[in-house]
C-alpha atoms as a PDB file:
ATOM      1  CA  UNK A   1     -11.230   4.684  14.612  1.00  0.00           C
ATOM      2  CA  UNK A   2     -10.518   5.689  11.006  1.00  0.00           C
ATOM      3  CA  UNK A   3     -13.901   6.312   9.324  1.00  0.00           C
ATOM      4  CA  UNK A   4     -14.747   4.911   5.893  1.00  0.00           C
ATOM      5  CA  UNK A   5     -16.425   7.230   3.380  1.00  0.00           C
ATOM      6  CA  UNK A   6     -20.106   6.448   2.787  1.00  0.00           C
ATOM      7  CA  UNK A   7     -19.487   5.160  -0.734  1.00  0.00           C
ATOM      8  CA  UNK A   8     -16.898   2.698   0.501  1.00  0.00           C
ATOM      9  CA  UNK A   9     -19.232   1.419   3.219  1.00  0.00           C
ATOM     10  CA  UNK A  10     -21.873   0.717   0.576  1.00  0.00           C
ATOM     11  CA  UNK A  11     -19.358  -1.039  -1.644  1.00  0.00           C
ATOM     12  CA  UNK A  12     -18.415  -3.635   0.972  1.00  0.00           C
ATOM     13  CA  UNK A  13     -21.902  -4.681   2.052  1.00  0.00           C
ATOM     14  CA  UNK A  14     -21.708  -7.761  -0.163  1.00  0.00           C
ATOM     15  CA  UNK A  15     -18.658  -9.031   1.725  1.00  0.00           C
ATOM     16  CA  UNK A  16     -19.883  -8.460   5.280  1.00  0.00           C
ATOM     17  CA  UNK A  17     -20.070 -12.219   5.859  1.00  0.00           C
ATOM     18  CA  UNK A  18     -16.389 -12.575   4.962  1.00  0.00           C
ATOM     19  CA  UNK A  19     -15.450  -9.579   7.111  1.00  0.00           C
ATOM     20  CA  UNK A  20     -17.091 -11.006  10.229  1.00  0.00           C
ATOM     21  CA  UNK A  21     -15.165 -14.250   9.853  1.00  0.00           C
ATOM     22  CA  UNK A  22     -11.846 -12.534   9.169  1.00  0.00           C
ATOM     23  CA  UNK A  23     -12.119 -10.279  12.219  1.00  0.00           C
ATOM     24  CA  UNK A  24     -11.816 -13.304  14.480  1.00  0.00           C
ATOM     25  CA  UNK A  25      -8.494 -14.341  12.905  1.00  0.00           C
ATOM     26  CA  UNK A  26      -6.376 -11.369  14.110  1.00  0.00           C
ATOM     27  CA  UNK A  27      -4.420 -11.576  10.866  1.00  0.00           C
ATOM     28  CA  UNK A  28      -0.955 -10.272  10.020  1.00  0.00           C
ATOM     29  CA  UNK A  29      -1.285  -8.760   6.538  1.00  0.00           C
ATOM     30  CA  UNK A  30       1.590  -7.412   4.409  1.00  0.00           C
ATOM     31  CA  UNK A  31       1.001  -4.831   1.666  1.00  0.00           C
ATOM     32  CA  UNK A  32       3.821  -3.864  -0.686  1.00  0.00           C
ATOM     33  CA  UNK A  33       3.905  -1.745  -3.813  1.00  0.00           C
ATOM     34  CA  UNK A  34       4.951   1.439  -5.541  1.00  0.00           C
ATOM     35  CA  UNK A  35       4.318   4.918  -4.206  1.00  0.00           C
ATOM     36  CA  UNK A  36       0.775   6.247  -4.788  1.00  0.00           C
ATOM     37  CA  UNK A  37      -0.517   2.847  -5.896  1.00  0.00           C
ATOM     38  CA  UNK A  38      -3.242   3.087  -3.270  1.00  0.00           C
ATOM     39  CA  UNK A  39      -1.740   0.726  -0.714  1.00  0.00           C
ATOM     40  CA  UNK A  40      -1.809   3.153   2.231  1.00  0.00           C
ATOM     41  CA  UNK A  41      -5.481   3.994   1.682  1.00  0.00           C
ATOM     42  CA  UNK A  42      -6.226   0.297   1.263  1.00  0.00           C
ATOM     43  CA  UNK A  43      -4.298  -0.538   4.439  1.00  0.00           C
ATOM     44  CA  UNK A  44      -6.301   2.046   6.410  1.00  0.00           C
ATOM     45  CA  UNK A  45      -9.605   0.751   5.056  1.00  0.00           C
ATOM     46  CA  UNK A  46      -8.715  -2.891   5.744  1.00  0.00           C
ATOM     47  CA  UNK A  47      -7.569  -1.915   9.221  1.00  0.00           C
ATOM     48  CA  UNK A  48     -10.967  -0.390   9.891  1.00  0.00           C
ATOM     49  CA  UNK A  49     -13.190  -3.154   8.548  1.00  0.00           C
ATOM     50  CA  UNK A  50     -11.059  -6.014   9.944  1.00  0.00           C
ATOM     51  CA  UNK A  51     -10.484  -4.191  13.254  1.00  0.00           C
ATOM     52  CA  UNK A  52      -6.712  -4.621  13.227  1.00  0.00           C
ATOM     53  CA  UNK A  53      -3.890  -2.103  13.696  1.00  0.00           C
ATOM     54  CA  UNK A  54      -2.490  -0.244  10.704  1.00  0.00           C
ATOM     55  CA  UNK A  55       1.237   0.494  10.706  1.00  0.00           C
ATOM     56  CA  UNK A  56       2.464   2.787   7.922  1.00  0.00           C
ATOM     57  CA  UNK A  57       6.089   1.747   7.448  1.00  0.00           C
ATOM     58  CA  UNK A  58       6.535   4.480   4.851  1.00  0.00           C
ATOM     59  CA  UNK A  59       5.677   7.092   7.469  1.00  0.00           C
ATOM     60  CA  UNK A  60       8.405   5.618   9.670  1.00  0.00           C
ATOM     61  CA  UNK A  61      11.003   6.027   6.905  1.00  0.00           C
ATOM     62  CA  UNK A  62       9.728   9.534   6.253  1.00  0.00           C
ATOM     63  CA  UNK A  63      10.054  10.419   9.952  1.00  0.00           C
ATOM     64  CA  UNK A  64      13.676   9.253  10.006  1.00  0.00           C
ATOM     65  CA  UNK A  65      14.298  11.178   6.775  1.00  0.00           C
ATOM     66  CA  UNK A  66      12.847  14.328   8.326  1.00  0.00           C
ATOM     67  CA  UNK A  67      15.034  13.960  11.411  1.00  0.00           C
ATOM     68  CA  UNK A  68      18.224  13.441   9.378  1.00  0.00           C
ATOM     69  CA  UNK A  69      17.378  16.398   7.144  1.00  0.00           C
ATOM     70  CA  UNK A  70      16.532  18.770  10.004  1.00  0.00           C
ATOM     71  CA  UNK A  71      19.733  17.825  11.831  1.00  0.00           C
ATOM     72  CA  UNK A  72      21.891  18.254   8.707  1.00  0.00           C
ATOM     73  CA  UNK A  73      23.134  14.660   8.757  1.00  0.00           C
ATOM     74  CA  UNK A  74      25.137  13.674   5.694  1.00  0.00           C
ATOM     75  CA  UNK A  75      23.137  10.861   4.085  1.00  0.00           C
ATOM     76  CA  UNK A  76      26.318   9.448   2.560  1.00  0.00           C
ATOM     77  CA  UNK A  77      27.880   9.027   6.007  1.00  0.00           C
ATOM     78  CA  UNK A  78      26.482   5.746   7.346  1.00  0.00           C
ATOM     79  CA  UNK A  79      28.228   6.133  10.701  1.00  0.00           C
ATOM     80  CA  UNK A  80      26.767   9.600  11.265  1.00  0.00           C
ATOM     81  CA  UNK A  81      23.298   8.288  10.430  1.00  0.00           C
ATOM     82  CA  UNK A  82      23.656   5.323  12.756  1.00  0.00           C
ATOM     83  CA  UNK A  83      24.760   7.501  15.675  1.00  0.00           C
ATOM     84  CA  UNK A  84      21.494   9.467  15.722  1.00  0.00           C
ATOM     85  CA  UNK A  85      19.019   6.627  15.260  1.00  0.00           C
ATOM     86  CA  UNK A  86      18.744   6.022  19.000  1.00  0.00           C
ATOM     87  CA  UNK A  87      17.559   9.645  19.307  1.00  0.00           C
ATOM     88  CA  UNK A  88      14.445   8.879  17.251  1.00  0.00           C
ATOM     89  CA  UNK A  89      11.225   7.500  18.683  1.00  0.00           C
ATOM     90  CA  UNK A  90       8.302   6.973  16.306  1.00  0.00           C
ATOM     91  CA  UNK A  91       4.716   6.352  17.339  1.00  0.00           C
ATOM     92  CA  UNK A  92       1.214   6.571  15.880  1.00  0.00           C
ATOM     93  CA  UNK A  93      -1.961   8.007  17.360  1.00  0.00           C
ATOM     94  CA  UNK A  94      -5.523   8.113  16.023  1.00  0.00           C
ATOM     95  CA  UNK A  95      -6.846  11.697  16.193  1.00  0.00           C
ATOM     96  CA  UNK A  96     -10.336  12.471  14.875  1.00  0.00           C
ATOM     97  CA  UNK A  97     -10.331   9.173  13.015  1.00  0.00           C
ATOM     98  CA  UNK A  98      -6.977   9.799  11.307  1.00  0.00           C
ATOM     99  CA  UNK A  99      -3.636   8.102  12.039  1.00  0.00           C
ATOM    100  CA  UNK A 100      -1.043  10.752  12.927  1.00  0.00           C
ATOM    101  CA  UNK A 101       2.696  10.083  12.965  1.00  0.00           C
ATOM    102  CA  UNK A 102       4.638  11.340  15.971  1.00  0.00           C
ATOM    103  CA  UNK A 103       8.400  11.668  16.220  1.00  0.00           C
ATOM    104  CA  UNK A 104       9.777  12.179  19.704  1.00  0.00           C
ATOM    105  CA  UNK A 105       6.234  13.000  20.870  1.00  0.00           C
ATOM    106  CA  UNK A 106       5.767  15.751  18.256  1.00  0.00           C
ATOM    107  CA  UNK A 107       3.173  15.389  15.476  1.00  0.00           C
ATOM    108  CA  UNK A 108       5.013  15.417  12.156  1.00  0.00           C
ATOM    109  CA  UNK A 109       2.354  14.109   9.749  1.00  0.00           C
ATOM    110  CA  UNK A 110       2.329  17.233   7.547  1.00  0.00           C
ATOM    111  CA  UNK A 111       6.103  17.645   7.546  1.00  0.00           C
ATOM    112  CA  UNK A 112       6.820  14.065   6.486  1.00  0.00           C
ATOM    113  CA  UNK A 113       4.494  14.433   3.468  1.00  0.00           C
ATOM    114  CA  UNK A 114       6.404  17.408   2.054  1.00  0.00           C
ATOM    115  CA  UNK A 115       8.076  17.194  -1.361  1.00  0.00           C
ATOM    116  CA  UNK A 116      11.503  17.650   0.262  1.00  0.00           C
ATOM    117  CA  UNK A 117      11.026  14.532   2.354  1.00  0.00           C
ATOM    118  CA  UNK A 118       9.622  12.743  -0.718  1.00  0.00           C
ATOM    119  CA  UNK A 119      12.795  13.629  -2.621  1.00  0.00           C
ATOM    120  CA  UNK A 120      15.047  12.211   0.106  1.00  0.00           C
ATOM    121  CA  UNK A 121      13.144   9.253   1.541  1.00  0.00           C
ATOM    122  CA  UNK A 122      14.113   6.693  -1.106  1.00  0.00           C
ATOM    123  CA  UNK A 123      17.793   7.508  -0.587  1.00  0.00           C
ATOM    124  CA  UNK A 124      17.416   7.208   3.183  1.00  0.00           C
ATOM    125  CA  UNK A 125      15.674   3.865   2.718  1.00  0.00           C
ATOM    126  CA  UNK A 126      18.825   2.503   1.060  1.00  0.00           C
ATOM    127  CA  UNK A 127      20.922   3.108   4.194  1.00  0.00           C
ATOM    128  CA  UNK A 128      21.405  -0.321   5.803  1.00  0.00           C
ATOM    129  CA  UNK A 129      21.481   0.856   9.414  1.00  0.00           C
ATOM    130  CA  UNK A 130      18.223   2.750   8.907  1.00  0.00           C
ATOM    131  CA  UNK A 131      16.539  -0.304   7.392  1.00  0.00           C
ATOM    132  CA  UNK A 132      17.736  -2.547  10.227  1.00  0.00           C
ATOM    133  CA  UNK A 133      16.580  -0.046  12.843  1.00  0.00           C
ATOM    134  CA  UNK A 134      13.114   0.295  11.335  1.00  0.00           C
ATOM    135  CA  UNK A 135      12.636  -3.411  10.567  1.00  0.00           C
ATOM    136  CA  UNK A 136      13.283  -4.118  14.253  1.00  0.00           C
ATOM    137  CA  UNK A 137      10.783  -1.407  15.225  1.00  0.00           C
ATOM    138  CA  UNK A 138       8.176  -2.720  12.787  1.00  0.00           C
ATOM    139  CA  UNK A 139       8.464  -6.267  14.100  1.00  0.00           C
ATOM    140  CA  UNK A 140       7.999  -5.036  17.665  1.00  0.00           C
ATOM    141  CA  UNK A 141       4.771  -3.290  16.648  1.00  0.00           C
ATOM    142  CA  UNK A 142       3.374  -6.562  15.289  1.00  0.00           C
ATOM    143  CA  UNK A 143       4.406  -8.928  18.076  1.00  0.00           C
ATOM    144  CA  UNK A 144       0.839  -9.459  19.300  1.00  0.00           C
ATOM    145  CA  UNK A 145      -0.668  -9.973  15.815  1.00  0.00           C
ATOM    146  CA  UNK A 146      -3.703  -8.270  14.374  1.00  0.00           C
ATOM    147  CA  UNK A 147      -1.666  -5.881  12.211  1.00  0.00           C
ATOM    148  CA  UNK A 148      -1.700  -4.679   8.626  1.00  0.00           C
ATOM    149  CA  UNK A 149       1.508  -3.019   7.473  1.00  0.00           C
ATOM    150  CA  UNK A 150       2.240  -1.385   4.139  1.00  0.00           C
ATOM    151  CA  UNK A 151       5.596  -0.551   2.590  1.00  0.00           C
ATOM    152  CA  UNK A 152       8.179  -1.817   0.125  1.00  0.00           C
ATOM    153  CA  UNK A 153       9.645  -4.943   1.767  1.00  0.00           C
ATOM    154  CA  UNK A 154       6.985  -6.023   4.256  1.00  0.00           C
ATOM    155  CA  UNK A 155       6.137  -9.358   2.635  1.00  0.00           C
ATOM    156  CA  UNK A 156       9.691 -10.125   1.549  1.00  0.00           C
ATOM    157  CA  UNK A 157      11.785  -9.027   4.553  1.00  0.00           C
ATOM    158  CA  UNK A 158       9.833  -7.698   7.532  1.00  0.00           C
ATOM    159  CA  UNK A 159       7.120 -10.380   7.653  1.00  0.00           C
ATOM    160  CA  UNK A 160       8.024 -13.168   5.210  1.00  0.00           C
ATOM    161  CA  UNK A 161       5.568 -15.434   7.067  1.00  0.00           C
ATOM    162  CA  UNK A 162       2.621 -13.001   7.022  1.00  0.00           C
ATOM    163  CA  UNK A 163      -0.818 -14.623   6.879  1.00  0.00           C
ATOM    164  CA  UNK A 164      -1.628 -12.814   3.636  1.00  0.00           C
ATOM    165  CA  UNK A 165       0.482 -10.709   1.264  1.00  0.00           C
ATOM    166  CA  UNK A 166      -0.772  -8.236  -1.331  1.00  0.00           C
ATOM    167  CA  UNK A 167       1.382  -6.547  -3.966  1.00  0.00           C
ATOM    168  CA  UNK A 168      -0.376  -3.340  -5.035  1.00  0.00           C
ATOM    169  CA  UNK A 169       0.358  -1.602  -8.336  1.00  0.00           C
ATOM    170  CA  UNK A 170      -1.136   1.050 -10.622  1.00  0.00           C
ATOM    171  CA  UNK A 171      -0.064   2.719 -13.846  1.00  0.00           C
ATOM    172  CA  UNK A 172       2.339   5.650 -13.638  1.00  0.00           C
ATOM    173  CA  UNK A 173      -0.290   8.034 -15.058  1.00  0.00           C
ATOM    174  CA  UNK A 174      -2.837   7.027 -12.434  1.00  0.00           C
ATOM    175  CA  UNK A 175      -0.284   7.273  -9.628  1.00  0.00           C
ATOM    176  CA  UNK A 176       0.826  10.702 -10.828  1.00  0.00           C
ATOM    177  CA  UNK A 177      -2.768  11.962 -10.863  1.00  0.00           C
ATOM    178  CA  UNK A 178      -3.447  10.581  -7.371  1.00  0.00           C
ATOM    179  CA  UNK A 179      -0.308  12.072  -5.855  1.00  0.00           C
ATOM    180  CA  UNK A 180      -0.762  15.408  -7.622  1.00  0.00           C
ATOM    181  CA  UNK A 181      -4.353  15.705  -6.377  1.00  0.00           C
ATOM    182  CA  UNK A 182      -3.269  14.844  -2.832  1.00  0.00           C
ATOM    183  CA  UNK A 183      -0.565  17.519  -2.804  1.00  0.00           C
ATOM    184  CA  UNK A 184      -2.766  20.196  -4.367  1.00  0.00           C
ATOM    185  CA  UNK A 185      -5.458  19.509  -1.759  1.00  0.00           C
ATOM    186  CA  UNK A 186      -2.804  20.146   0.887  1.00  0.00           C
ATOM    187  CA  UNK A 187      -2.106  23.544  -0.636  1.00  0.00           C
ATOM    188  CA  UNK A 188       1.250  22.710  -2.214  1.00  0.00           C
ATOM    189  CA  UNK A 189       2.375  24.527  -5.371  1.00  0.00           C
ATOM    190  CA  UNK A 190       3.638  21.805  -7.692  1.00  0.00           C
ATOM    191  CA  UNK A 191       3.268  20.638 -11.288  1.00  0.00           C
ATOM    192  CA  UNK A 192       2.248  17.200 -12.525  1.00  0.00           C
ATOM    193  CA  UNK A 193       5.587  16.808 -14.259  1.00  0.00           C
ATOM    194  CA  UNK A 194       7.402  17.328 -10.952  1.00  0.00           C
ATOM    195  CA  UNK A 195       5.205  14.705  -9.304  1.00  0.00           C
ATOM    196  CA  UNK A 196       5.761  12.262 -12.179  1.00  0.00           C
ATOM    197  CA  UNK A 197       9.532  12.755 -12.078  1.00  0.00           C
ATOM    198  CA  UNK A 198       9.568  12.208  -8.322  1.00  0.00           C
ATOM    199  CA  UNK A 199       7.607   8.953  -8.655  1.00  0.00           C
ATOM    200  CA  UNK A 200       9.940   7.703 -11.399  1.00  0.00           C
ATOM    201  CA  UNK A 201      12.970   8.518  -9.273  1.00  0.00           C
ATOM    202  CA  UNK A 202      11.516   6.712  -6.254  1.00  0.00           C
ATOM    203  CA  UNK A 203      10.497   3.697  -8.362  1.00  0.00           C
ATOM    204  CA  UNK A 204      14.037   3.402  -9.675  1.00  0.00           C
ATOM    205  CA  UNK A 205      15.685   3.684  -6.262  1.00  0.00           C
ATOM    206  CA  UNK A 206      13.185   1.402  -4.522  1.00  0.00           C
ATOM    207  CA  UNK A 207      13.423  -1.336  -7.155  1.00  0.00           C
ATOM    208  CA  UNK A 208      17.198  -1.260  -7.639  1.00  0.00           C
ATOM    209  CA  UNK A 209      18.628  -0.728  -4.159  1.00  0.00           C
ATOM    210  CA  UNK A 210      20.946  -3.449  -2.904  1.00  0.00           C
ATOM    211  CA  UNK A 211      19.310  -3.831   0.502  1.00  0.00           C
ATOM    212  CA  UNK A 212      15.709  -5.157   0.426  1.00  0.00           C
ATOM    213  CA  UNK A 213      14.591  -3.887  -3.010  1.00  0.00           C
ATOM    214  CA  UNK A 214      10.920  -3.544  -3.836  1.00  0.00           C
ATOM    215  CA  UNK A 215       9.697  -6.776  -5.406  1.00  0.00           C
ATOM    216  CA  UNK A 216       6.653  -8.996  -5.354  1.00  0.00           C
ATOM    217  CA  UNK A 217       6.943 -11.872  -2.881  1.00  0.00           C
ATOM    218  CA  UNK A 218       6.486 -15.253  -4.548  1.00  0.00           C
ATOM    219  CA  UNK A 219       3.343 -15.927  -2.502  1.00  0.00           C
ATOM    220  CA  UNK A 220       1.833 -12.423  -2.773  1.00  0.00           C
ATOM    221  CA  UNK A 221      -1.374 -11.648  -4.640  1.00  0.00           C
ATOM    222  CA  UNK A 222      -1.038  -8.996  -7.345  1.00  0.00           C
ATOM    223  CA  UNK A 223      -3.657  -6.240  -7.121  1.00  0.00           C
ATOM    224  CA  UNK A 224      -3.689  -3.640  -9.919  1.00  0.00           C
ATOM    225  CA  UNK A 225      -5.715  -0.647  -8.689  1.00  0.00           C
ATOM    226  CA  UNK A 226      -5.493   1.429 -11.892  1.00  0.00           C
ATOM    227  CA  UNK A 227      -9.153   0.943 -12.793  1.00  0.00           C
ATOM    228  CA  UNK A 228     -10.548   0.411  -9.290  1.00  0.00           C
ATOM    229  CA  UNK A 229     -12.227   2.994  -7.129  1.00  0.00           C
ATOM    230  CA  UNK A 230     -11.696   2.926  -3.387  1.00  0.00           C
ATOM    231  CA  UNK A 231     -14.681   0.722  -2.617  1.00  0.00           C
ATOM    232  CA  UNK A 232     -13.836  -1.769  -5.369  1.00  0.00           C
ATOM    233  CA  UNK A 233     -10.237  -1.951  -4.194  1.00  0.00           C
ATOM    234  CA  UNK A 234     -11.329  -2.737  -0.640  1.00  0.00           C
ATOM    235  CA  UNK A 235     -13.994  -5.266  -1.617  1.00  0.00           C
ATOM    236  CA  UNK A 236     -11.634  -7.103  -3.981  1.00  0.00           C
ATOM    237  CA  UNK A 237      -8.906  -7.235  -1.332  1.00  0.00           C
ATOM    238  CA  UNK A 238     -11.276  -8.650   1.281  1.00  0.00           C
ATOM    239  CA  UNK A 239     -12.351 -11.346  -1.159  1.00  0.00           C
ATOM    240  CA  UNK A 240      -8.696 -12.230  -1.878  1.00  0.00           C
ATOM    241  CA  UNK A 241      -7.884 -12.416   1.823  1.00  0.00           C
ATOM    242  CA  UNK A 242     -11.002 -14.460   2.624  1.00  0.00           C
ATOM    243  CA  UNK A 243     -10.346 -16.951  -0.198  1.00  0.00           C
ATOM    244  CA  UNK A 244      -6.703 -17.322   0.869  1.00  0.00           C
ATOM    245  CA  UNK A 245      -7.490 -17.964   4.518  1.00  0.00           C
ATOM    246  CA  UNK A 246     -10.250 -20.445   3.660  1.00  0.00           C
ATOM    247  CA  UNK A 247      -8.635 -22.277   0.761  1.00  0.00           C
END
């Protein structure tokens, strides 16, 4: 099980009553939002406290991107992309409390977080056959309920009838700082300006693509994490979910 930092555990003590009630619901929760807005961390934390499965849809797109890149597939050739999709099998495994992405039974978590994959993933996500392939895979993973999934079109396309939808945002400066810190901690040599430019590029592609663009679902709750620490983000989300389910 993914372990919450001590500070986050302390921050959610006030909502333990709500948590206990929500655990019994086996909810299907959709989280959408921009890159580095905090939605993946939030999804992991909610998965832990609500005892439901976390599916990182972004990791699935990154895994496909990695495969296409390593096999020199022309991203502008839809037919070539479609032909290799049946060669890709994506799965997740919890190792030492951390969710690790596997592609064809090989751990690829570090590779899919590289800047090269980050540069290509938004373009790959615009390819219709890739989106259809992964939407089908995502729906299979959630057939039995009790799932929280984060991405760009989860509440609008993948699970339009999710029990609860959250749309997570943060300012560009905050997102740049978060992403930069994450990459530096992984030993990558990169500047803040490069990170900022990459986020702007991905925002533009994600929000303006023809197929399933990033947008807030009409019935989603907006959560701005710019001024929230990790514990506050989790506690506020639990309160939103609890109030929605019990309205």
